[in-house]
Amino acid sequence: MVGLILVAHGNLANELLNTTAMILGEALTSAVGVPVNAMDDPESITDRIEQAIEQVNTGRGVLILTDMFGGTPSNLAISVMENGHVEVVAGMNLPMLI
């Protein structure tokens, strides 16, 4: 299974994962959220994204979903992209996860 990482402002990533689990009746496997807060420095956010990649990568690649193109979460996720292994899609929403 492809690993899934949600990177978003505030606690949106974790709340989307929680809501998805509520609707589906179970948590998504190989999926984690990376919250981005105003006081976080970019290097620590990038480190958390890289740790999340290691956590969910089963060898089949990782998809990073971000909340808004051009925002800090999206820009930092793009900085860790690996062609064919880690891809980024901006504009995540609940229907995408279900």
PDB file of N, CA and C in Angstrom:
ATOM      1  N   MET A   1       0.829  -1.175   0.000  1.00  0.00           N
ATOM      2  CA  MET A   1       0.000   0.000   0.000  1.00  0.00           C
ATOM      3  C   MET A   1       0.880   1.248   0.000  1.00  0.00           C
ATOM      4  N   VAL A   2       0.460   2.247  -0.717  1.00  0.00           N
ATOM      5  CA  VAL A   2       1.168   3.530  -0.760  1.00  0.00           C
ATOM      6  C   VAL A   2       0.977   4.234   0.578  1.00  0.00           C
ATOM      7  N   GLY A   3       2.061   4.772   1.126  1.00  0.00           N
ATOM      8  CA  GLY A   3       1.972   5.528   2.362  1.00  0.00           C
ATOM      9  C   GLY A   3       1.310   6.876   2.114  1.00  0.00           C
ATOM     10  N   LEU A   4       0.617   7.387   3.119  1.00  0.00           N
ATOM     11  CA  LEU A   4      -0.115   8.642   2.996  1.00  0.00           C
ATOM     12  C   LEU A   4       0.252   9.568   4.145  1.00  0.00           C
ATOM     13  N   ILE A   5       0.631  10.801   3.790  1.00  0.00           N
ATOM     14  CA  ILE A   5       0.962  11.812   4.787  1.00  0.00           C
ATOM     15  C   ILE A   5       0.124  13.044   4.502  1.00  0.00           C
ATOM     16  N   LEU A   6      -0.533  13.554   5.533  1.00  0.00           N
ATOM     17  CA  LEU A   6      -1.285  14.796   5.417  1.00  0.00           C
ATOM     18  C   LEU A   6      -0.493  15.881   6.127  1.00  0.00           C
ATOM     19  N   VAL A   7      -0.199  16.972   5.431  1.00  0.00           N
ATOM     20  CA  VAL A   7       0.552  18.091   6.001  1.00  0.00           C
ATOM     21  C   VAL A   7      -0.314  19.331   5.845  1.00  0.00           C
ATOM     22  N   ALA A   8      -0.634  19.981   6.973  1.00  0.00           N
ATOM     23  CA  ALA A   8      -1.567  21.107   6.904  1.00  0.00           C
ATOM     24  C   ALA A   8      -1.355  22.078   8.056  1.00  0.00           C
ATOM     25  N   HIS A   9      -1.898  23.266   7.865  1.00  0.00           N
ATOM     26  CA  HIS A   9      -1.872  24.288   8.907  1.00  0.00           C
ATOM     27  C   HIS A   9      -2.670  23.805  10.124  1.00  0.00           C
ATOM     28  N   GLY A  10      -2.162  24.159  11.311  1.00  0.00           N
ATOM     29  CA  GLY A  10      -2.867  23.804  12.540  1.00  0.00           C
ATOM     30  C   GLY A  10      -3.022  22.299  12.675  1.00  0.00           C
ATOM     31  N   ASN A  11      -4.166  21.880  13.192  1.00  0.00           N
ATOM     32  CA  ASN A  11      -4.405  20.458  13.424  1.00  0.00           C
ATOM     33  C   ASN A  11      -5.302  19.841  12.350  1.00  0.00           C
ATOM     34  N   LEU A  12      -5.437  20.526  11.206  1.00  0.00           N
ATOM     35  CA  LEU A  12      -6.327  20.053  10.147  1.00  0.00           C
ATOM     36  C   LEU A  12      -5.979  18.640   9.690  1.00  0.00           C
ATOM     37  N   ALA A  13      -4.703  18.338   9.525  1.00  0.00           N
ATOM     38  CA  ALA A  13      -4.300  17.012   9.035  1.00  0.00           C
ATOM     39  C   ALA A  13      -4.804  15.908   9.953  1.00  0.00           C
ATOM     40  N   ASN A  14      -4.564  16.051  11.248  1.00  0.00           N
ATOM     41  CA  ASN A  14      -5.001  15.026  12.193  1.00  0.00           C
ATOM     42  C   ASN A  14      -6.516  14.959  12.296  1.00  0.00           C
ATOM     43  N   GLU A  15      -7.177  16.094  12.222  1.00  0.00           N
ATOM     44  CA  GLU A  15      -8.638  16.087  12.297  1.00  0.00           C
ATOM     45  C   GLU A  15      -9.257  15.436  11.066  1.00  0.00           C
ATOM     46  N   LEU A  16      -8.661  15.643   9.893  1.00  0.00           N
ATOM     47  CA  LEU A  16      -9.160  14.954   8.700  1.00  0.00           C
ATOM     48  C   LEU A  16      -8.975  13.445   8.830  1.00  0.00           C
ATOM     49  N   LEU A  17      -7.854  13.010   9.382  1.00  0.00           N
ATOM     50  CA  LEU A  17      -7.647  11.578   9.605  1.00  0.00           C
ATOM     51  C   LEU A  17      -8.656  11.031  10.612  1.00  0.00           C
ATOM     52  N   ASN A  18      -8.914  11.782  11.686  1.00  0.00           N
ATOM     53  CA  ASN A  18      -9.903  11.353  12.682  1.00  0.00           C
ATOM     54  C   ASN A  18     -11.300  11.265  12.078  1.00  0.00           C
ATOM     55  N   THR A  19     -11.673  12.247  11.280  1.00  0.00           N
ATOM     56  CA  THR A  19     -12.994  12.254  10.659  1.00  0.00           C
ATOM     57  C   THR A  19     -13.122  11.122   9.651  1.00  0.00           C
ATOM     58  N   THR A  20     -12.074  10.863   8.903  1.00  0.00           N
ATOM     59  CA  THR A  20     -12.083   9.746   7.955  1.00  0.00           C
ATOM     60  C   THR A  20     -12.289   8.427   8.693  1.00  0.00           C
ATOM     61  N   ALA A  21     -11.590   8.243   9.799  1.00  0.00           N
ATOM     62  CA  ALA A  21     -11.744   7.020  10.594  1.00  0.00           C
ATOM     63  C   ALA A  21     -13.166   6.893  11.122  1.00  0.00           C
ATOM     64  N   MET A  22     -13.759   8.008  11.545  1.00  0.00           N
ATOM     65  CA  MET A  22     -15.128   7.979  12.049  1.00  0.00           C
ATOM     66  C   MET A  22     -16.093   7.525  10.953  1.00  0.00           C
ATOM     67  N   ILE A  23     -15.936   8.062   9.750  1.00  0.00           N
ATOM     68  CA  ILE A  23     -16.838   7.732   8.644  1.00  0.00           C
ATOM     69  C   ILE A  23     -16.627   6.296   8.173  1.00  0.00           C
ATOM     70  N   LEU A  24     -15.376   5.871   8.039  1.00  0.00           N
ATOM     71  CA  LEU A  24     -15.076   4.530   7.533  1.00  0.00           C
ATOM     72  C   LEU A  24     -15.225   3.440   8.591  1.00  0.00           C
ATOM     73  N   GLY A  25     -15.213   3.846   9.854  1.00  0.00           N
ATOM     74  CA  GLY A  25     -15.307   2.870  10.926  1.00  0.00           C
ATOM     75  C   GLY A  25     -13.970   2.282  11.332  1.00  0.00           C
ATOM     76  N   GLU A  26     -12.903   2.729  10.700  1.00  0.00           N
ATOM     77  CA  GLU A  26     -11.554   2.292  11.049  1.00  0.00           C
ATOM     78  C   GLU A  26     -10.553   3.321  10.538  1.00  0.00           C
ATOM     79  N   ALA A  27      -9.392   3.343  11.178  1.00  0.00           N
ATOM     80  CA  ALA A  27      -8.354   4.294  10.776  1.00  0.00           C
ATOM     81  C   ALA A  27      -7.698   3.848   9.475  1.00  0.00           C
ATOM     82  N   LEU A  28      -7.240   4.815   8.697  1.00  0.00           N
ATOM     83  CA  LEU A  28      -6.464   4.499   7.500  1.00  0.00           C
ATOM     84  C   LEU A  28      -5.130   3.906   7.926  1.00  0.00           C
ATOM     85  N   THR A  29      -4.730   2.831   7.271  1.00  0.00           N
ATOM     86  CA  THR A  29      -3.425   2.255   7.598  1.00  0.00           C
ATOM     87  C   THR A  29      -2.355   2.999   6.807  1.00  0.00           C
ATOM     88  N   SER A  30      -1.178   3.055   7.340  1.00  0.00           N
ATOM     89  CA  SER A  30      -0.050   3.740   6.689  1.00  0.00           C
ATOM     90  C   SER A  30      -0.360   5.194   6.365  1.00  0.00           C
ATOM     91  N   ALA A  31      -1.047   5.876   7.295  1.00  0.00           N
ATOM     92  CA  ALA A  31      -1.367   7.295   7.112  1.00  0.00           C
ATOM     93  C   ALA A  31      -1.057   8.048   8.399  1.00  0.00           C
ATOM     94  N   VAL A  32      -0.410   9.204   8.259  1.00  0.00           N
ATOM     95  CA  VAL A  32      -0.100  10.043   9.414  1.00  0.00           C
ATOM     96  C   VAL A  32      -0.325  11.508   9.060  1.00  0.00           C
ATOM     97  N   GLY A  33      -0.553  12.300  10.086  1.00  0.00           N
ATOM     98  CA  GLY A  33      -0.698  13.737   9.913  1.00  0.00           C
ATOM     99  C   GLY A  33       0.519  14.469  10.447  1.00  0.00           C
ATOM    100  N   VAL A  34       0.861  15.555   9.777  1.00  0.00           N
ATOM    101  CA  VAL A  34       1.950  16.422  10.231  1.00  0.00           C
ATOM    102  C   VAL A  34       1.368  17.823  10.380  1.00  0.00           C
ATOM    103  N   PRO A  35       1.093  18.237  11.626  1.00  0.00           N
ATOM    104  CA  PRO A  35       0.561  19.583  11.833  1.00  0.00           C
ATOM    105  C   PRO A  35       1.653  20.640  11.680  1.00  0.00           C
ATOM    106  N   VAL A  36       1.274  21.789  11.146  1.00  0.00           N
ATOM    107  CA  VAL A  36       2.206  22.905  10.973  1.00  0.00           C
ATOM    108  C   VAL A  36       1.617  24.111  11.697  1.00  0.00           C
ATOM    109  N   ASN A  37       2.347  24.582  12.704  1.00  0.00           N
ATOM    110  CA  ASN A  37       1.882  25.717  13.494  1.00  0.00           C
ATOM    111  C   ASN A  37       2.731  26.953  13.218  1.00  0.00           C
ATOM    112  N   ALA A  38       2.191  28.106  13.547  1.00  0.00           N
ATOM    113  CA  ALA A  38       2.834  29.381  13.230  1.00  0.00           C
ATOM    114  C   ALA A  38       4.226  29.514  13.839  1.00  0.00           C
ATOM    115  N   MET A  39       4.455  28.935  14.991  1.00  0.00           N
ATOM    116  CA  MET A  39       5.739  29.094  15.667  1.00  0.00           C
ATOM    117  C   MET A  39       6.765  28.025  15.271  1.00  0.00           C
ATOM    118  N   ASP A  40       6.391  27.069  14.429  1.00  0.00           N
ATOM    119  CA  ASP A  40       7.326  26.027  13.984  1.00  0.00           C
ATOM    120  C   ASP A  40       8.323  26.610  12.988  1.00  0.00           C
ATOM    121  N   ASP A  41       9.595  26.224  13.128  1.00  0.00           N
ATOM    122  CA  ASP A  41      10.563  26.683  12.129  1.00  0.00           C
ATOM    123  C   ASP A  41      10.573  25.684  10.967  1.00  0.00           C
ATOM    124  N   PRO A  42      10.845  26.167   9.762  1.00  0.00           N
ATOM    125  CA  PRO A  42      10.777  25.313   8.572  1.00  0.00           C
ATOM    126  C   PRO A  42      11.623  24.048   8.660  1.00  0.00           C
ATOM    127  N   GLU A  43      12.796  24.135   9.257  1.00  0.00           N
ATOM    128  CA  GLU A  43      13.662  22.960   9.347  1.00  0.00           C
ATOM    129  C   GLU A  43      13.024  21.852  10.185  1.00  0.00           C
ATOM    130  N   SER A  44      12.378  22.228  11.291  1.00  0.00           N
ATOM    131  CA  SER A  44      11.749  21.201  12.131  1.00  0.00           C
ATOM    132  C   SER A  44      10.544  20.581  11.425  1.00  0.00           C
ATOM    133  N   ILE A  45       9.826  21.376  10.640  1.00  0.00           N
ATOM    134  CA  ILE A  45       8.695  20.839   9.875  1.00  0.00           C
ATOM    135  C   ILE A  45       9.205  19.847   8.834  1.00  0.00           C
ATOM    136  N   THR A  46      10.254  20.235   8.119  1.00  0.00           N
ATOM    137  CA  THR A  46      10.839  19.344   7.114  1.00  0.00           C
ATOM    138  C   THR A  46      11.317  18.048   7.759  1.00  0.00           C
ATOM    139  N   ASP A  47      11.934  18.141   8.925  1.00  0.00           N
ATOM    140  CA  ASP A  47      12.382  16.940   9.642  1.00  0.00           C
ATOM    141  C   ASP A  47      11.200  16.031   9.978  1.00  0.00           C
ATOM    142  N   ARG A  48      10.091  16.619  10.430  1.00  0.00           N
ATOM    143  CA  ARG A  48       8.906  15.808  10.770  1.00  0.00           C
ATOM    144  C   ARG A  48       8.310  15.159   9.530  1.00  0.00           C
ATOM    145  N   ILE A  49       8.328  15.869   8.395  1.00  0.00           N
ATOM    146  CA  ILE A  49       7.829  15.277   7.146  1.00  0.00           C
ATOM    147  C   ILE A  49       8.716  14.103   6.743  1.00  0.00           C
ATOM    148  N   GLU A  50      10.028  14.281   6.834  1.00  0.00           N
ATOM    149  CA  GLU A  50      10.955  13.200   6.477  1.00  0.00           C
ATOM    150  C   GLU A  50      10.791  11.996   7.406  1.00  0.00           C
ATOM    151  N   GLN A  51      10.565  12.234   8.692  1.00  0.00           N
ATOM    152  CA  GLN A  51      10.319  11.140   9.632  1.00  0.00           C
ATOM    153  C   GLN A  51       9.017  10.422   9.287  1.00  0.00           C
ATOM    154  N   ALA A  52       8.003  11.189   8.894  1.00  0.00           N
ATOM    155  CA  ALA A  52       6.724  10.589   8.509  1.00  0.00           C
ATOM    156  C   ALA A  52       6.885   9.728   7.259  1.00  0.00           C
ATOM    157  N   ILE A  53       7.707  10.185   6.314  1.00  0.00           N
ATOM    158  CA  ILE A  53       7.966   9.393   5.100  1.00  0.00           C
ATOM    159  C   ILE A  53       8.567   8.045   5.484  1.00  0.00           C
ATOM    160  N   GLU A  54       9.560   8.063   6.357  1.00  0.00           N
ATOM    161  CA  GLU A  54      10.178   6.810   6.806  1.00  0.00           C
ATOM    162  C   GLU A  54       9.164   5.910   7.502  1.00  0.00           C
ATOM    163  N   GLN A  55       8.255   6.516   8.252  1.00  0.00           N
ATOM    164  CA  GLN A  55       7.265   5.755   9.017  1.00  0.00           C
ATOM    165  C   GLN A  55       6.259   5.037   8.120  1.00  0.00           C
ATOM    166  N   VAL A  56       5.791   5.697   7.056  1.00  0.00           N
ATOM    167  CA  VAL A  56       4.709   5.114   6.243  1.00  0.00           C
ATOM    168  C   VAL A  56       5.183   4.449   4.958  1.00  0.00           C
ATOM    169  N   ASN A  57       6.444   4.618   4.604  1.00  0.00           N
ATOM    170  CA  ASN A  57       6.931   4.063   3.342  1.00  0.00           C
ATOM    171  C   ASN A  57       7.149   2.560   3.459  1.00  0.00           C
ATOM    172  N   THR A  58       6.371   1.809   2.693  1.00  0.00           N
ATOM    173  CA  THR A  58       6.498   0.348   2.682  1.00  0.00           C
ATOM    174  C   THR A  58       7.235  -0.123   1.436  1.00  0.00           C
ATOM    175  N   GLY A  59       7.823   0.817   0.707  1.00  0.00           N
ATOM    176  CA  GLY A  59       8.520   0.480  -0.523  1.00  0.00           C
ATOM    177  C   GLY A  59       7.696   0.710  -1.773  1.00  0.00           C
ATOM    178  N   ARG A  60       6.445   1.105  -1.594  1.00  0.00           N
ATOM    179  CA  ARG A  60       5.563   1.337  -2.737  1.00  0.00           C
ATOM    180  C   ARG A  60       5.344   2.822  -2.998  1.00  0.00           C
ATOM    181  N   GLY A  61       6.067   3.677  -2.283  1.00  0.00           N
ATOM    182  CA  GLY A  61       5.953   5.113  -2.488  1.00  0.00           C
ATOM    183  C   GLY A  61       5.097   5.783  -1.436  1.00  0.00           C
ATOM    184  N   VAL A  62       5.137   7.103  -1.456  1.00  0.00           N
ATOM    185  CA  VAL A  62       4.412   7.910  -0.478  1.00  0.00           C
ATOM    186  C   VAL A  62       3.714   9.047  -1.205  1.00  0.00           C
ATOM    187  N   LEU A  63       2.472   9.296  -0.834  1.00  0.00           N
ATOM    188  CA  LEU A  63       1.713  10.428  -1.339  1.00  0.00           C
ATOM    189  C   LEU A  63       1.526  11.406  -0.193  1.00  0.00           C
ATOM    190  N   ILE A  64       1.961  12.644  -0.406  1.00  0.00           N
ATOM    191  CA  ILE A  64       1.773  13.695   0.589  1.00  0.00           C
ATOM    192  C   ILE A  64       0.648  14.595   0.106  1.00  0.00           C
ATOM    193  N   LEU A  65      -0.377  14.746   0.938  1.00  0.00           N
ATOM    194  CA  LEU A  65      -1.475  15.657   0.642  1.00  0.00           C
ATOM    195  C   LEU A  65      -1.320  16.891   1.514  1.00  0.00           C
ATOM    196  N   THR A  66      -1.460  18.078   0.912  1.00  0.00           N
ATOM    197  CA  THR A  66      -1.343  19.324   1.669  1.00  0.00           C
ATOM    198  C   THR A  66      -2.625  20.128   1.534  1.00  0.00           C
ATOM    199  N   ASP A  67      -2.799  21.076   2.448  1.00  0.00           N
ATOM    200  CA  ASP A  67      -4.057  21.810   2.469  1.00  0.00           C
ATOM    201  C   ASP A  67      -4.157  22.909   1.415  1.00  0.00           C
ATOM    202  N   MET A  68      -3.060  23.578   1.100  1.00  0.00           N
ATOM    203  CA  MET A  68      -3.175  24.739   0.224  1.00  0.00           C
ATOM    204  C   MET A  68      -1.872  24.967  -0.546  1.00  0.00           C
ATOM    205  N   PHE A  69      -1.956  24.946  -1.860  1.00  0.00           N
ATOM    206  CA  PHE A  69      -0.772  25.194  -2.680  1.00  0.00           C
ATOM    207  C   PHE A  69      -0.217  26.584  -2.386  1.00  0.00           C
ATOM    208  N   GLY A  70       1.090  26.667  -2.232  1.00  0.00           N
ATOM    209  CA  GLY A  70       1.745  27.944  -1.975  1.00  0.00           C
ATOM    210  C   GLY A  70       1.939  28.245  -0.506  1.00  0.00           C
ATOM    211  N   GLY A  71       1.264  27.492   0.366  1.00  0.00           N
ATOM    212  CA  GLY A  71       1.428  27.675   1.800  1.00  0.00           C
ATOM    213  C   GLY A  71       2.672  26.945   2.292  1.00  0.00           C
ATOM    214  N   THR A  72       3.084  27.259   3.495  1.00  0.00           N
ATOM    215  CA  THR A  72       4.273  26.631   4.066  1.00  0.00           C
ATOM    216  C   THR A  72       4.199  25.105   4.065  1.00  0.00           C
ATOM    217  N   PRO A  73       3.077  24.491   4.484  1.00  0.00           N
ATOM    218  CA  PRO A  73       3.035  23.020   4.450  1.00  0.00           C
ATOM    219  C   PRO A  73       3.292  22.458   3.050  1.00  0.00           C
ATOM    220  N   SER A  74       2.695  23.051   2.054  1.00  0.00           N
ATOM    221  CA  SER A  74       2.859  22.579   0.677  1.00  0.00           C
ATOM    222  C   SER A  74       4.284  22.814   0.185  1.00  0.00           C
ATOM    223  N   ASN A  75       4.806  23.990   0.419  1.00  0.00           N
ATOM    224  CA  ASN A  75       6.166  24.304  -0.037  1.00  0.00           C
ATOM    225  C   ASN A  75       7.205  23.376   0.586  1.00  0.00           C
ATOM    226  N   LEU A  76       7.060  23.085   1.873  1.00  0.00           N
ATOM    227  CA  LEU A  76       8.027  22.205   2.528  1.00  0.00           C
ATOM    228  C   LEU A  76       7.846  20.755   2.087  1.00  0.00           C
ATOM    229  N   ALA A  77       6.618  20.346   1.831  1.00  0.00           N
ATOM    230  CA  ALA A  77       6.382  18.991   1.314  1.00  0.00           C
ATOM    231  C   ALA A  77       7.011  18.840  -0.070  1.00  0.00           C
ATOM    232  N   ILE A  78       6.862  19.856  -0.899  1.00  0.00           N
ATOM    233  CA  ILE A  78       7.454  19.819  -2.241  1.00  0.00           C
ATOM    234  C   ILE A  78       8.978  19.704  -2.153  1.00  0.00           C
ATOM    235  N   SER A  79       9.565  20.302  -1.126  1.00  0.00           N
ATOM    236  CA  SER A  79      11.028  20.274  -0.993  1.00  0.00           C
ATOM    237  C   SER A  79      11.574  18.872  -0.720  1.00  0.00           C
ATOM    238  N   VAL A  80      10.730  17.940  -0.290  1.00  0.00           N
ATOM    239  CA  VAL A  80      11.199  16.575  -0.017  1.00  0.00           C
ATOM    240  C   VAL A  80      10.703  15.570  -1.057  1.00  0.00           C
ATOM    241  N   MET A  81      10.116  16.067  -2.145  1.00  0.00           N
ATOM    242  CA  MET A  81       9.631  15.172  -3.199  1.00  0.00           C
ATOM    243  C   MET A  81      10.769  14.360  -3.793  1.00  0.00           C
ATOM    244  N   GLU A  82      10.465  13.113  -4.124  1.00  0.00           N
ATOM    245  CA  GLU A  82      11.397  12.239  -4.837  1.00  0.00           C
ATOM    246  C   GLU A  82      10.616  11.654  -6.001  1.00  0.00           C
ATOM    247  N   ASN A  83      11.002  11.994  -7.200  1.00  0.00           N
ATOM    248  CA  ASN A  83      10.266  11.561  -8.384  1.00  0.00           C
ATOM    249  C   ASN A  83      10.038  10.052  -8.371  1.00  0.00           C
ATOM    250  N   GLY A  84       8.783   9.666  -8.434  1.00  0.00           N
ATOM    251  CA  GLY A  84       8.430   8.257  -8.455  1.00  0.00           C
ATOM    252  C   GLY A  84       8.330   7.606  -7.096  1.00  0.00           C
ATOM    253  N   HIS A  85       8.804   8.280  -6.058  1.00  0.00           N
ATOM    254  CA  HIS A  85       8.776   7.696  -4.716  1.00  0.00           C
ATOM    255  C   HIS A  85       7.942   8.520  -3.745  1.00  0.00           C
ATOM    256  N   VAL A  86       8.054   9.830  -3.817  1.00  0.00           N
ATOM    257  CA  VAL A  86       7.288  10.728  -2.957  1.00  0.00           C
ATOM    258  C   VAL A  86       6.685  11.807  -3.839  1.00  0.00           C
ATOM    259  N   GLU A  87       5.374  11.879  -3.872  1.00  0.00           N
ATOM    260  CA  GLU A  87       4.669  12.878  -4.680  1.00  0.00           C
ATOM    261  C   GLU A  87       3.799  13.738  -3.770  1.00  0.00           C
ATOM    262  N   VAL A  88       3.491  14.957  -4.214  1.00  0.00           N
ATOM    263  CA  VAL A  88       2.706  15.902  -3.425  1.00  0.00           C
ATOM    264  C   VAL A  88       1.493  16.349  -4.229  1.00  0.00           C
ATOM    265  N   VAL A  89       0.339  16.370  -3.557  1.00  0.00           N
ATOM    266  CA  VAL A  89      -0.899  16.888  -4.144  1.00  0.00           C
ATOM    267  C   VAL A  89      -1.453  17.922  -3.174  1.00  0.00           C
ATOM    268  N   ALA A  90      -1.704  19.127  -3.660  1.00  0.00           N
ATOM    269  CA  ALA A  90      -2.256  20.190  -2.817  1.00  0.00           C
ATOM    270  C   ALA A  90      -3.776  20.223  -2.945  1.00  0.00           C
ATOM    271  N   GLY A  91      -4.422  20.783  -1.936  1.00  0.00           N
ATOM    272  CA  GLY A  91      -5.872  20.940  -1.957  1.00  0.00           C
ATOM    273  C   GLY A  91      -6.622  19.756  -1.380  1.00  0.00           C
ATOM    274  N   MET A  92      -6.027  19.081  -0.384  1.00  0.00           N
ATOM    275  CA  MET A  92      -6.683  17.894   0.174  1.00  0.00           C
ATOM    276  C   MET A  92      -8.036  18.250   0.773  1.00  0.00           C
ATOM    277  N   ASN A  93      -8.910  17.257   0.771  1.00  0.00           N
ATOM    278  CA  ASN A  93     -10.232  17.425   1.362  1.00  0.00           C
ATOM    279  C   ASN A  93     -10.747  16.063   1.794  1.00  0.00           C
ATOM    280  N   LEU A  94     -11.825  16.047   2.537  1.00  0.00           N
ATOM    281  CA  LEU A  94     -12.359  14.808   3.087  1.00  0.00           C
ATOM    282  C   LEU A  94     -12.740  13.785   2.019  1.00  0.00           C
ATOM    283  N   PRO A  95     -13.422  14.168   0.938  1.00  0.00           N
ATOM    284  CA  PRO A  95     -13.746  13.161  -0.082  1.00  0.00           C
ATOM    285  C   PRO A  95     -12.518  12.481  -0.689  1.00  0.00           C
ATOM    286  N   MET A  96     -11.387  13.179  -0.780  1.00  0.00           N
ATOM    287  CA  MET A  96     -10.162  12.555  -1.304  1.00  0.00           C
ATOM    288  C   MET A  96      -9.715  11.397  -0.421  1.00  0.00           C
ATOM    289  N   LEU A  97      -9.942  11.514   0.869  1.00  0.00           N
ATOM    290  CA  LEU A  97      -9.485  10.493   1.810  1.00  0.00           C
ATOM    291  C   LEU A  97     -10.428   9.301   1.874  1.00  0.00           C
ATOM    292  N   ILE A  98     -11.666   9.541   1.554  1.00  0.00           N
ATOM    293  CA  ILE A  98     -12.663   8.462   1.610  1.00  0.00           C
ATOM    294  C   ILE A  98     -12.685   7.753   0.283  1.00  0.00           C
TER     295      ILE A  98
END
